[in-house]
Amino acid sequence: MGRVLAFVNIFVESGSTSAVIEELRRLPNLEELYEVAGEFDIVSTFSADDLEELRHILVSKIMKIKGVRSTVTDIVLHSHRPSPGDARAAPR
């Protein structure tokens, strides 16, 4: 089984976005990080070896960051995006 990939959508306390982003950037399992306008304040992707590691990242790392109010996590079941080098990824 490959690595677990999850979208972690984060609500932050007012005025805490920059500080939360700086703390998230320090986490080694971070794949992508976006400050967004919409339902959430931050959208990120994290990878883990398994669900237990993902749980640890959520509970012991992300939720412990000062300014994080709550998270909504979506676990990726399958990616439909072509891998680099895949013939389908080449421009047409």
PDB file of N, CA and C in Angstrom:
ATOM      1  N   MET A   1       0.849  -1.179   0.000  1.00  0.00           N
ATOM      2  CA  MET A   1       0.000   0.000   0.000  1.00  0.00           C
ATOM      3  C   MET A   1       0.893   1.240   0.000  1.00  0.00           C
ATOM      4  N   GLY A   2       0.523   2.261  -0.774  1.00  0.00           N
ATOM      5  CA  GLY A   2       1.276   3.504  -0.844  1.00  0.00           C
ATOM      6  C   GLY A   2       0.979   4.402   0.340  1.00  0.00           C
ATOM      7  N   ARG A   3       1.560   5.566   0.297  1.00  0.00           N
ATOM      8  CA  ARG A   3       1.344   6.540   1.362  1.00  0.00           C
ATOM      9  C   ARG A   3      -0.091   7.062   1.349  1.00  0.00           C
ATOM     10  N   VAL A   4      -0.567   7.430   2.517  1.00  0.00           N
ATOM     11  CA  VAL A   4      -1.878   8.038   2.673  1.00  0.00           C
ATOM     12  C   VAL A   4      -1.726   9.525   2.389  1.00  0.00           C
ATOM     13  N   LEU A   5      -2.620  10.069   1.589  1.00  0.00           N
ATOM     14  CA  LEU A   5      -2.632  11.495   1.288  1.00  0.00           C
ATOM     15  C   LEU A   5      -3.967  12.053   1.757  1.00  0.00           C
ATOM     16  N   ALA A   6      -3.932  13.197   2.437  1.00  0.00           N
ATOM     17  CA  ALA A   6      -5.158  13.794   2.953  1.00  0.00           C
ATOM     18  C   ALA A   6      -5.160  15.296   2.733  1.00  0.00           C
ATOM     19  N   PHE A   7      -6.335  15.813   2.396  1.00  0.00           N
ATOM     20  CA  PHE A   7      -6.553  17.249   2.362  1.00  0.00           C
ATOM     21  C   PHE A   7      -6.974  17.640   3.774  1.00  0.00           C
ATOM     22  N   VAL A   8      -6.274  18.581   4.364  1.00  0.00           N
ATOM     23  CA  VAL A   8      -6.614  19.060   5.698  1.00  0.00           C
ATOM     24  C   VAL A   8      -7.025  20.522   5.549  1.00  0.00           C
ATOM     25  N   ASN A   9      -8.316  20.768   5.710  1.00  0.00           N
ATOM     26  CA  ASN A   9      -8.884  22.114   5.614  1.00  0.00           C
ATOM     27  C   ASN A   9      -8.957  22.669   7.025  1.00  0.00           C
ATOM     28  N   ILE A  10      -8.445  23.889   7.212  1.00  0.00           N
ATOM     29  CA  ILE A  10      -8.242  24.411   8.557  1.00  0.00           C
ATOM     30  C   ILE A  10      -8.967  25.738   8.756  1.00  0.00           C
ATOM     31  N   PHE A  11      -9.699  25.825   9.868  1.00  0.00           N
ATOM     32  CA  PHE A  11     -10.293  27.077  10.325  1.00  0.00           C
ATOM     33  C   PHE A  11      -9.343  27.649  11.375  1.00  0.00           C
ATOM     34  N   VAL A  12      -9.005  28.941  11.264  1.00  0.00           N
ATOM     35  CA  VAL A  12      -8.122  29.564  12.246  1.00  0.00           C
ATOM     36  C   VAL A  12      -8.833  30.719  12.940  1.00  0.00           C
ATOM     37  N   GLU A  13      -8.333  31.077  14.111  1.00  0.00           N
ATOM     38  CA  GLU A  13      -8.853  32.227  14.838  1.00  0.00           C
ATOM     39  C   GLU A  13      -8.499  33.491  14.074  1.00  0.00           C
ATOM     40  N   SER A  14      -9.344  34.485  14.171  1.00  0.00           N
ATOM     41  CA  SER A  14      -9.131  35.757  13.482  1.00  0.00           C
ATOM     42  C   SER A  14      -7.751  36.326  13.810  1.00  0.00           C
ATOM     43  N   GLY A  15      -7.030  36.719  12.765  1.00  0.00           N
ATOM     44  CA  GLY A  15      -5.712  37.311  12.932  1.00  0.00           C
ATOM     45  C   GLY A  15      -4.577  36.332  13.133  1.00  0.00           C
ATOM     46  N   SER A  16      -4.858  35.026  13.079  1.00  0.00           N
ATOM     47  CA  SER A  16      -3.835  34.009  13.345  1.00  0.00           C
ATOM     48  C   SER A  16      -3.324  33.296  12.099  1.00  0.00           C
ATOM     49  N   THR A  17      -3.826  33.645  10.936  1.00  0.00           N
ATOM     50  CA  THR A  17      -3.503  32.888   9.725  1.00  0.00           C
ATOM     51  C   THR A  17      -2.001  32.818   9.457  1.00  0.00           C
ATOM     52  N   SER A  18      -1.315  33.943   9.486  1.00  0.00           N
ATOM     53  CA  SER A  18       0.121  33.959   9.183  1.00  0.00           C
ATOM     54  C   SER A  18       0.911  33.099  10.157  1.00  0.00           C
ATOM     55  N   ALA A  19       0.602  33.196  11.444  1.00  0.00           N
ATOM     56  CA  ALA A  19       1.313  32.411  12.453  1.00  0.00           C
ATOM     57  C   ALA A  19       1.050  30.916  12.272  1.00  0.00           C
ATOM     58  N   VAL A  20      -0.187  30.556  11.964  1.00  0.00           N
ATOM     59  CA  VAL A  20      -0.527  29.145  11.750  1.00  0.00           C
ATOM     60  C   VAL A  20       0.205  28.617  10.515  1.00  0.00           C
ATOM     61  N   ILE A  21       0.244  29.393   9.448  1.00  0.00           N
ATOM     62  CA  ILE A  21       0.948  28.979   8.236  1.00  0.00           C
ATOM     63  C   ILE A  21       2.418  28.727   8.533  1.00  0.00           C
ATOM     64  N   GLU A  22       3.041  29.599   9.291  1.00  0.00           N
ATOM     65  CA  GLU A  22       4.466  29.418   9.631  1.00  0.00           C
ATOM     66  C   GLU A  22       4.696  28.122  10.400  1.00  0.00           C
ATOM     67  N   GLU A  23       3.798  27.787  11.311  1.00  0.00           N
ATOM     68  CA  GLU A  23       3.926  26.532  12.066  1.00  0.00           C
ATOM     69  C   GLU A  23       3.685  25.318  11.168  1.00  0.00           C
ATOM     70  N   LEU A  24       2.685  25.396  10.304  1.00  0.00           N
ATOM     71  CA  LEU A  24       2.402  24.280   9.393  1.00  0.00           C
ATOM     72  C   LEU A  24       3.590  24.009   8.474  1.00  0.00           C
ATOM     73  N   ARG A  25       4.252  25.072   8.009  1.00  0.00           N
ATOM     74  CA  ARG A  25       5.394  24.922   7.093  1.00  0.00           C
ATOM     75  C   ARG A  25       6.535  24.126   7.716  1.00  0.00           C
ATOM     76  N   ARG A  26       6.574  24.044   9.027  1.00  0.00           N
ATOM     77  CA  ARG A  26       7.630  23.307   9.740  1.00  0.00           C
ATOM     78  C   ARG A  26       7.358  21.806   9.832  1.00  0.00           C
ATOM     79  N   LEU A  27       6.151  21.391   9.517  1.00  0.00           N
ATOM     80  CA  LEU A  27       5.804  19.972   9.646  1.00  0.00           C
ATOM     81  C   LEU A  27       6.349  19.188   8.452  1.00  0.00           C
ATOM     82  N   PRO A  28       7.087  18.114   8.705  1.00  0.00           N
ATOM     83  CA  PRO A  28       7.743  17.378   7.618  1.00  0.00           C
ATOM     84  C   PRO A  28       6.804  16.661   6.655  1.00  0.00           C
ATOM     85  N   ASN A  29       5.594  16.366   7.046  1.00  0.00           N
ATOM     86  CA  ASN A  29       4.672  15.626   6.184  1.00  0.00           C
ATOM     87  C   ASN A  29       3.826  16.531   5.294  1.00  0.00           C
ATOM     88  N   LEU A  30       4.061  17.830   5.373  1.00  0.00           N
ATOM     89  CA  LEU A  30       3.316  18.787   4.560  1.00  0.00           C
ATOM     90  C   LEU A  30       3.684  18.628   3.095  1.00  0.00           C
ATOM     91  N   GLU A  31       2.684  18.521   2.235  1.00  0.00           N
ATOM     92  CA  GLU A  31       2.894  18.418   0.788  1.00  0.00           C
ATOM     93  C   GLU A  31       2.566  19.736   0.083  1.00  0.00           C
ATOM     94  N   GLU A  32       1.410  20.325   0.423  1.00  0.00           N
ATOM     95  CA  GLU A  32       0.974  21.577  -0.190  1.00  0.00           C
ATOM     96  C   GLU A  32       0.285  22.425   0.874  1.00  0.00           C
ATOM     97  N   LEU A  33       0.342  23.756   0.672  1.00  0.00           N
ATOM     98  CA  LEU A  33      -0.229  24.665   1.661  1.00  0.00           C
ATOM     99  C   LEU A  33      -0.755  25.912   0.954  1.00  0.00           C
ATOM    100  N   TYR A  34      -2.033  26.228   1.181  1.00  0.00           N
ATOM    101  CA  TYR A  34      -2.666  27.368   0.527  1.00  0.00           C
ATOM    102  C   TYR A  34      -3.475  28.185   1.534  1.00  0.00           C
ATOM    103  N   GLU A  35      -3.340  29.496   1.472  1.00  0.00           N
ATOM    104  CA  GLU A  35      -4.244  30.392   2.175  1.00  0.00           C
ATOM    105  C   GLU A  35      -5.364  30.678   1.171  1.00  0.00           C
ATOM    106  N   VAL A  36      -6.607  30.491   1.576  1.00  0.00           N
ATOM    107  CA  VAL A  36      -7.710  30.587   0.623  1.00  0.00           C
ATOM    108  C   VAL A  36      -8.817  31.507   1.120  1.00  0.00           C
ATOM    109  N   ALA A  37      -9.636  31.959   0.179  1.00  0.00           N
ATOM    110  CA  ALA A  37     -10.871  32.664   0.490  1.00  0.00           C
ATOM    111  C   ALA A  37     -11.995  31.675   0.217  1.00  0.00           C
ATOM    112  N   GLY A  38     -12.865  31.510   1.156  1.00  0.00           N
ATOM    113  CA  GLY A  38     -13.944  30.542   1.000  1.00  0.00           C
ATOM    114  C   GLY A  38     -14.362  30.017   2.350  1.00  0.00           C
ATOM    115  N   GLU A  39     -14.815  28.793   2.373  1.00  0.00           N
ATOM    116  CA  GLU A  39     -15.302  28.205   3.618  1.00  0.00           C
ATOM    117  C   GLU A  39     -14.196  28.062   4.661  1.00  0.00           C
ATOM    118  N   PHE A  40     -12.989  27.698   4.222  1.00  0.00           N
ATOM    119  CA  PHE A  40     -11.865  27.481   5.131  1.00  0.00           C
ATOM    120  C   PHE A  40     -10.898  28.646   5.028  1.00  0.00           C
ATOM    121  N   ASP A  41      -9.965  28.708   5.957  1.00  0.00           N
ATOM    122  CA  ASP A  41      -8.916  29.723   5.925  1.00  0.00           C
ATOM    123  C   ASP A  41      -7.654  29.190   5.258  1.00  0.00           C
ATOM    124  N   ILE A  42      -7.374  27.904   5.480  1.00  0.00           N
ATOM    125  CA  ILE A  42      -6.178  27.251   4.946  1.00  0.00           C
ATOM    126  C   ILE A  42      -6.578  25.892   4.387  1.00  0.00           C
ATOM    127  N   VAL A  43      -6.053  25.557   3.217  1.00  0.00           N
ATOM    128  CA  VAL A  43      -6.209  24.225   2.637  1.00  0.00           C
ATOM    129  C   VAL A  43      -4.803  23.664   2.481  1.00  0.00           C
ATOM    130  N   SER A  44      -4.603  22.449   2.965  1.00  0.00           N
ATOM    131  CA  SER A  44      -3.280  21.830   2.894  1.00  0.00           C
ATOM    132  C   SER A  44      -3.418  20.362   2.534  1.00  0.00           C
ATOM    133  N   THR A  45      -2.311  19.781   2.098  1.00  0.00           N
ATOM    134  CA  THR A  45      -2.263  18.333   1.914  1.00  0.00           C
ATOM    135  C   THR A  45      -1.105  17.800   2.735  1.00  0.00           C
ATOM    136  N   PHE A  46      -1.347  16.680   3.381  1.00  0.00           N
ATOM    137  CA  PHE A  46      -0.341  15.996   4.180  1.00  0.00           C
ATOM    138  C   PHE A  46      -0.271  14.548   3.748  1.00  0.00           C
ATOM    139  N   SER A  47       0.913  13.970   3.809  1.00  0.00           N
ATOM    140  CA  SER A  47       1.094  12.549   3.518  1.00  0.00           C
ATOM    141  C   SER A  47       1.526  11.844   4.795  1.00  0.00           C
ATOM    142  N   ALA A  48       1.250  10.548   4.843  1.00  0.00           N
ATOM    143  CA  ALA A  48       1.616   9.729   5.998  1.00  0.00           C
ATOM    144  C   ALA A  48       1.804   8.292   5.539  1.00  0.00           C
ATOM    145  N   ASP A  49       2.538   7.523   6.330  1.00  0.00           N
ATOM    146  CA  ASP A  49       2.746   6.111   6.000  1.00  0.00           C
ATOM    147  C   ASP A  49       1.470   5.299   6.153  1.00  0.00           C
ATOM    148  N   ASP A  50       0.621   5.701   7.105  1.00  0.00           N
ATOM    149  CA  ASP A  50      -0.622   4.969   7.360  1.00  0.00           C
ATOM    150  C   ASP A  50      -1.592   5.883   8.102  1.00  0.00           C
ATOM    151  N   LEU A  51      -2.783   5.375   8.379  1.00  0.00           N
ATOM    152  CA  LEU A  51      -3.796   6.186   9.048  1.00  0.00           C
ATOM    153  C   LEU A  51      -3.410   6.567  10.470  1.00  0.00           C
ATOM    154  N   GLU A  52      -2.681   5.707  11.139  1.00  0.00           N
ATOM    155  CA  GLU A  52      -2.249   6.027  12.501  1.00  0.00           C
ATOM    156  C   GLU A  52      -1.295   7.211  12.503  1.00  0.00           C
ATOM    157  N   GLU A  53      -0.376   7.261  11.539  1.00  0.00           N
ATOM    158  CA  GLU A  53       0.528   8.405  11.446  1.00  0.00           C
ATOM    159  C   GLU A  53      -0.259   9.674  11.092  1.00  0.00           C
ATOM    160  N   LEU A  54      -1.222   9.559  10.192  1.00  0.00           N
ATOM    161  CA  LEU A  54      -2.056  10.705   9.836  1.00  0.00           C
ATOM    162  C   LEU A  54      -2.810  11.210  11.059  1.00  0.00           C
ATOM    163  N   ARG A  55      -3.362  10.303  11.851  1.00  0.00           N
ATOM    164  CA  ARG A  55      -4.055  10.682  13.083  1.00  0.00           C
ATOM    165  C   ARG A  55      -3.109  11.439  14.008  1.00  0.00           C
ATOM    166  N   HIS A  56      -1.887  10.955  14.154  1.00  0.00           N
ATOM    167  CA  HIS A  56      -0.894  11.617  15.008  1.00  0.00           C
ATOM    168  C   HIS A  56      -0.605  13.039  14.506  1.00  0.00           C
ATOM    169  N   ILE A  57      -0.456  13.203  13.197  1.00  0.00           N
ATOM    170  CA  ILE A  57      -0.215  14.530  12.618  1.00  0.00           C
ATOM    171  C   ILE A  57      -1.375  15.467  12.953  1.00  0.00           C
ATOM    172  N   LEU A  58      -2.600  14.982  12.788  1.00  0.00           N
ATOM    173  CA  LEU A  58      -3.780  15.811  13.047  1.00  0.00           C
ATOM    174  C   LEU A  58      -3.918  16.175  14.522  1.00  0.00           C
ATOM    175  N   VAL A  59      -3.872  15.166  15.381  1.00  0.00           N
ATOM    176  CA  VAL A  59      -4.153  15.363  16.800  1.00  0.00           C
ATOM    177  C   VAL A  59      -2.974  15.980  17.552  1.00  0.00           C
ATOM    178  N   SER A  60      -1.780  15.497  17.292  1.00  0.00           N
ATOM    179  CA  SER A  60      -0.618  15.919  18.082  1.00  0.00           C
ATOM    180  C   SER A  60       0.182  17.051  17.471  1.00  0.00           C
ATOM    181  N   LYS A  61      -0.059  17.356  16.214  1.00  0.00           N
ATOM    182  CA  LYS A  61       0.699  18.430  15.552  1.00  0.00           C
ATOM    183  C   LYS A  61      -0.228  19.587  15.165  1.00  0.00           C
ATOM    184  N   ILE A  62      -1.105  19.354  14.209  1.00  0.00           N
ATOM    185  CA  ILE A  62      -1.921  20.440  13.659  1.00  0.00           C
ATOM    186  C   ILE A  62      -2.849  21.040  14.714  1.00  0.00           C
ATOM    187  N   MET A  63      -3.589  20.205  15.436  1.00  0.00           N
ATOM    188  CA  MET A  63      -4.546  20.727  16.414  1.00  0.00           C
ATOM    189  C   MET A  63      -3.868  21.387  17.613  1.00  0.00           C
ATOM    190  N   LYS A  64      -2.581  21.179  17.787  1.00  0.00           N
ATOM    191  CA  LYS A  64      -1.839  21.803  18.898  1.00  0.00           C
ATOM    192  C   LYS A  64      -1.293  23.178  18.519  1.00  0.00           C
ATOM    193  N   ILE A  65      -1.386  23.553  17.247  1.00  0.00           N
ATOM    194  CA  ILE A  65      -0.889  24.853  16.811  1.00  0.00           C
ATOM    195  C   ILE A  65      -1.809  25.944  17.342  1.00  0.00           C
ATOM    196  N   LYS A  66      -1.215  26.923  18.011  1.00  0.00           N
ATOM    197  CA  LYS A  66      -1.993  28.040  18.553  1.00  0.00           C
ATOM    198  C   LYS A  66      -2.658  28.790  17.400  1.00  0.00           C
ATOM    199  N   GLY A  67      -3.959  28.982  17.499  1.00  0.00           N
ATOM    200  CA  GLY A  67      -4.718  29.674  16.470  1.00  0.00           C
ATOM    201  C   GLY A  67      -5.562  28.753  15.611  1.00  0.00           C
ATOM    202  N   VAL A  68      -5.297  27.444  15.639  1.00  0.00           N
ATOM    203  CA  VAL A  68      -6.116  26.493  14.887  1.00  0.00           C
ATOM    204  C   VAL A  68      -7.396  26.239  15.684  1.00  0.00           C
ATOM    205  N   ARG A  69      -8.540  26.545  15.072  1.00  0.00           N
ATOM    206  CA  ARG A  69      -9.837  26.306  15.726  1.00  0.00           C
ATOM    207  C   ARG A  69     -10.327  24.894  15.486  1.00  0.00           C
ATOM    208  N   SER A  70     -10.303  24.455  14.212  1.00  0.00           N
ATOM    209  CA  SER A  70     -10.783  23.120  13.873  1.00  0.00           C
ATOM    210  C   SER A  70     -10.297  22.748  12.480  1.00  0.00           C
ATOM    211  N   THR A  71     -10.461  21.465  12.148  1.00  0.00           N
ATOM    212  CA  THR A  71     -10.060  20.975  10.831  1.00  0.00           C
ATOM    213  C   THR A  71     -11.171  20.098  10.253  1.00  0.00           C
ATOM    214  N   VAL A  72     -11.156  20.002   8.934  1.00  0.00           N
ATOM    215  CA  VAL A  72     -11.997  19.049   8.208  1.00  0.00           C
ATOM    216  C   VAL A  72     -11.039  18.309   7.287  1.00  0.00           C
ATOM    217  N   THR A  73     -10.972  16.997   7.437  1.00  0.00           N
ATOM    218  CA  THR A  73      -9.988  16.202   6.712  1.00  0.00           C
ATOM    219  C   THR A  73     -10.663  15.275   5.713  1.00  0.00           C
ATOM    220  N   ASP A  74     -10.120  15.255   4.490  1.00  0.00           N
ATOM    221  CA  ASP A  74     -10.582  14.352   3.439  1.00  0.00           C
ATOM    222  C   ASP A  74      -9.410  13.462   3.049  1.00  0.00           C
ATOM    223  N   ILE A  75      -9.597  12.151   3.131  1.00  0.00           N
ATOM    224  CA  ILE A  75      -8.546  11.204   2.767  1.00  0.00           C
ATOM    225  C   ILE A  75      -8.695  10.838   1.292  1.00  0.00           C
ATOM    226  N   VAL A  76      -7.614  10.919   0.554  1.00  0.00           N
ATOM    227  CA  VAL A  76      -7.620  10.610  -0.875  1.00  0.00           C
ATOM    228  C   VAL A  76      -7.712   9.090  -1.050  1.00  0.00           C
ATOM    229  N   LEU A  77      -8.703   8.657  -1.816  1.00  0.00           N
ATOM    230  CA  LEU A  77      -8.859   7.235  -2.115  1.00  0.00           C
ATOM    231  C   LEU A  77      -8.102   6.846  -3.385  1.00  0.00           C
ATOM    232  N   HIS A  78      -8.117   7.744  -4.377  1.00  0.00           N
ATOM    233  CA  HIS A  78      -7.447   7.471  -5.646  1.00  0.00           C
ATOM    234  C   HIS A  78      -7.187   8.790  -6.347  1.00  0.00           C
ATOM    235  N   SER A  79      -6.002   8.931  -6.932  1.00  0.00           N
ATOM    236  CA  SER A  79      -5.675  10.125  -7.702  1.00  0.00           C
ATOM    237  C   SER A  79      -5.877   9.839  -9.183  1.00  0.00           C
ATOM    238  N   HIS A  80      -6.536  10.744  -9.859  1.00  0.00           N
ATOM    239  CA  HIS A  80      -6.749  10.619 -11.296  1.00  0.00           C
ATOM    240  C   HIS A  80      -5.810  11.528 -12.070  1.00  0.00           C
ATOM    241  N   ARG A  81      -4.891  12.139 -11.373  1.00  0.00           N
ATOM    242  CA  ARG A  81      -3.909  13.020 -11.991  1.00  0.00           C
ATOM    243  C   ARG A  81      -2.760  12.175 -12.522  1.00  0.00           C
ATOM    244  N   PRO A  82      -2.362  12.398 -13.763  1.00  0.00           N
ATOM    245  CA  PRO A  82      -1.255  11.613 -14.325  1.00  0.00           C
ATOM    246  C   PRO A  82       0.042  11.851 -13.557  1.00  0.00           C
ATOM    247  N   SER A  83       0.849  10.818 -13.452  1.00  0.00           N
ATOM    248  CA  SER A  83       2.160  10.928 -12.816  1.00  0.00           C
ATOM    249  C   SER A  83       3.122  11.600 -13.775  1.00  0.00           C
ATOM    250  N   PRO A  84       4.164  12.289 -13.246  1.00  0.00           N
ATOM    251  CA  PRO A  84       5.175  12.854 -14.163  1.00  0.00           C
ATOM    252  C   PRO A  84       5.766  11.755 -15.033  1.00  0.00           C
ATOM    253  N   GLY A  85       5.939  12.042 -16.309  1.00  0.00           N
ATOM    254  CA  GLY A  85       6.485  11.040 -17.232  1.00  0.00           C
ATOM    255  C   GLY A  85       5.421  10.180 -17.892  1.00  0.00           C
ATOM    256  N   ASP A  86       4.199  10.229 -17.379  1.00  0.00           N
ATOM    257  CA  ASP A  86       3.090   9.472 -17.954  1.00  0.00           C
ATOM    258  C   ASP A  86       2.762  10.120 -19.309  1.00  0.00           C
ATOM    259  N   ALA A  87       2.555   9.323 -20.328  1.00  0.00           N
ATOM    260  CA  ALA A  87       2.278   9.830 -21.671  1.00  0.00           C
ATOM    261  C   ALA A  87       1.043  10.724 -21.693  1.00  0.00           C
ATOM    262  N   ARG A  88       0.085  10.462 -20.826  1.00  0.00           N
ATOM    263  CA  ARG A  88      -1.140  11.261 -20.767  1.00  0.00           C
ATOM    264  C   ARG A  88      -0.860  12.668 -20.230  1.00  0.00           C
ATOM    265  N   ALA A  89       0.279  12.850 -19.554  1.00  0.00           N
ATOM    266  CA  ALA A  89       0.614  14.153 -18.979  1.00  0.00           C
ATOM    267  C   ALA A  89       1.238  15.093 -20.016  1.00  0.00           C
ATOM    268  N   ALA A  90       1.663  14.544 -21.156  1.00  0.00           N
ATOM    269  CA  ALA A  90       2.327  15.359 -22.180  1.00  0.00           C
ATOM    270  C   ALA A  90       1.333  16.318 -22.830  1.00  0.00           C
ATOM    271  N   PRO A  91       1.775  17.567 -23.099  1.00  0.00           N
ATOM    272  CA  PRO A  91       0.872  18.514 -23.774  1.00  0.00           C
ATOM    273  C   PRO A  91       0.505  18.023 -25.168  1.00  0.00           C
ATOM    274  N   ARG A  92      -0.651  18.378 -25.625  1.00  0.00           N
ATOM    275  CA  ARG A  92      -1.115  17.949 -26.953  1.00  0.00           C
ATOM    276  C   ARG A  92      -1.108  19.074 -27.916  1.00  0.00           C
TER     277      ARG A  92
END
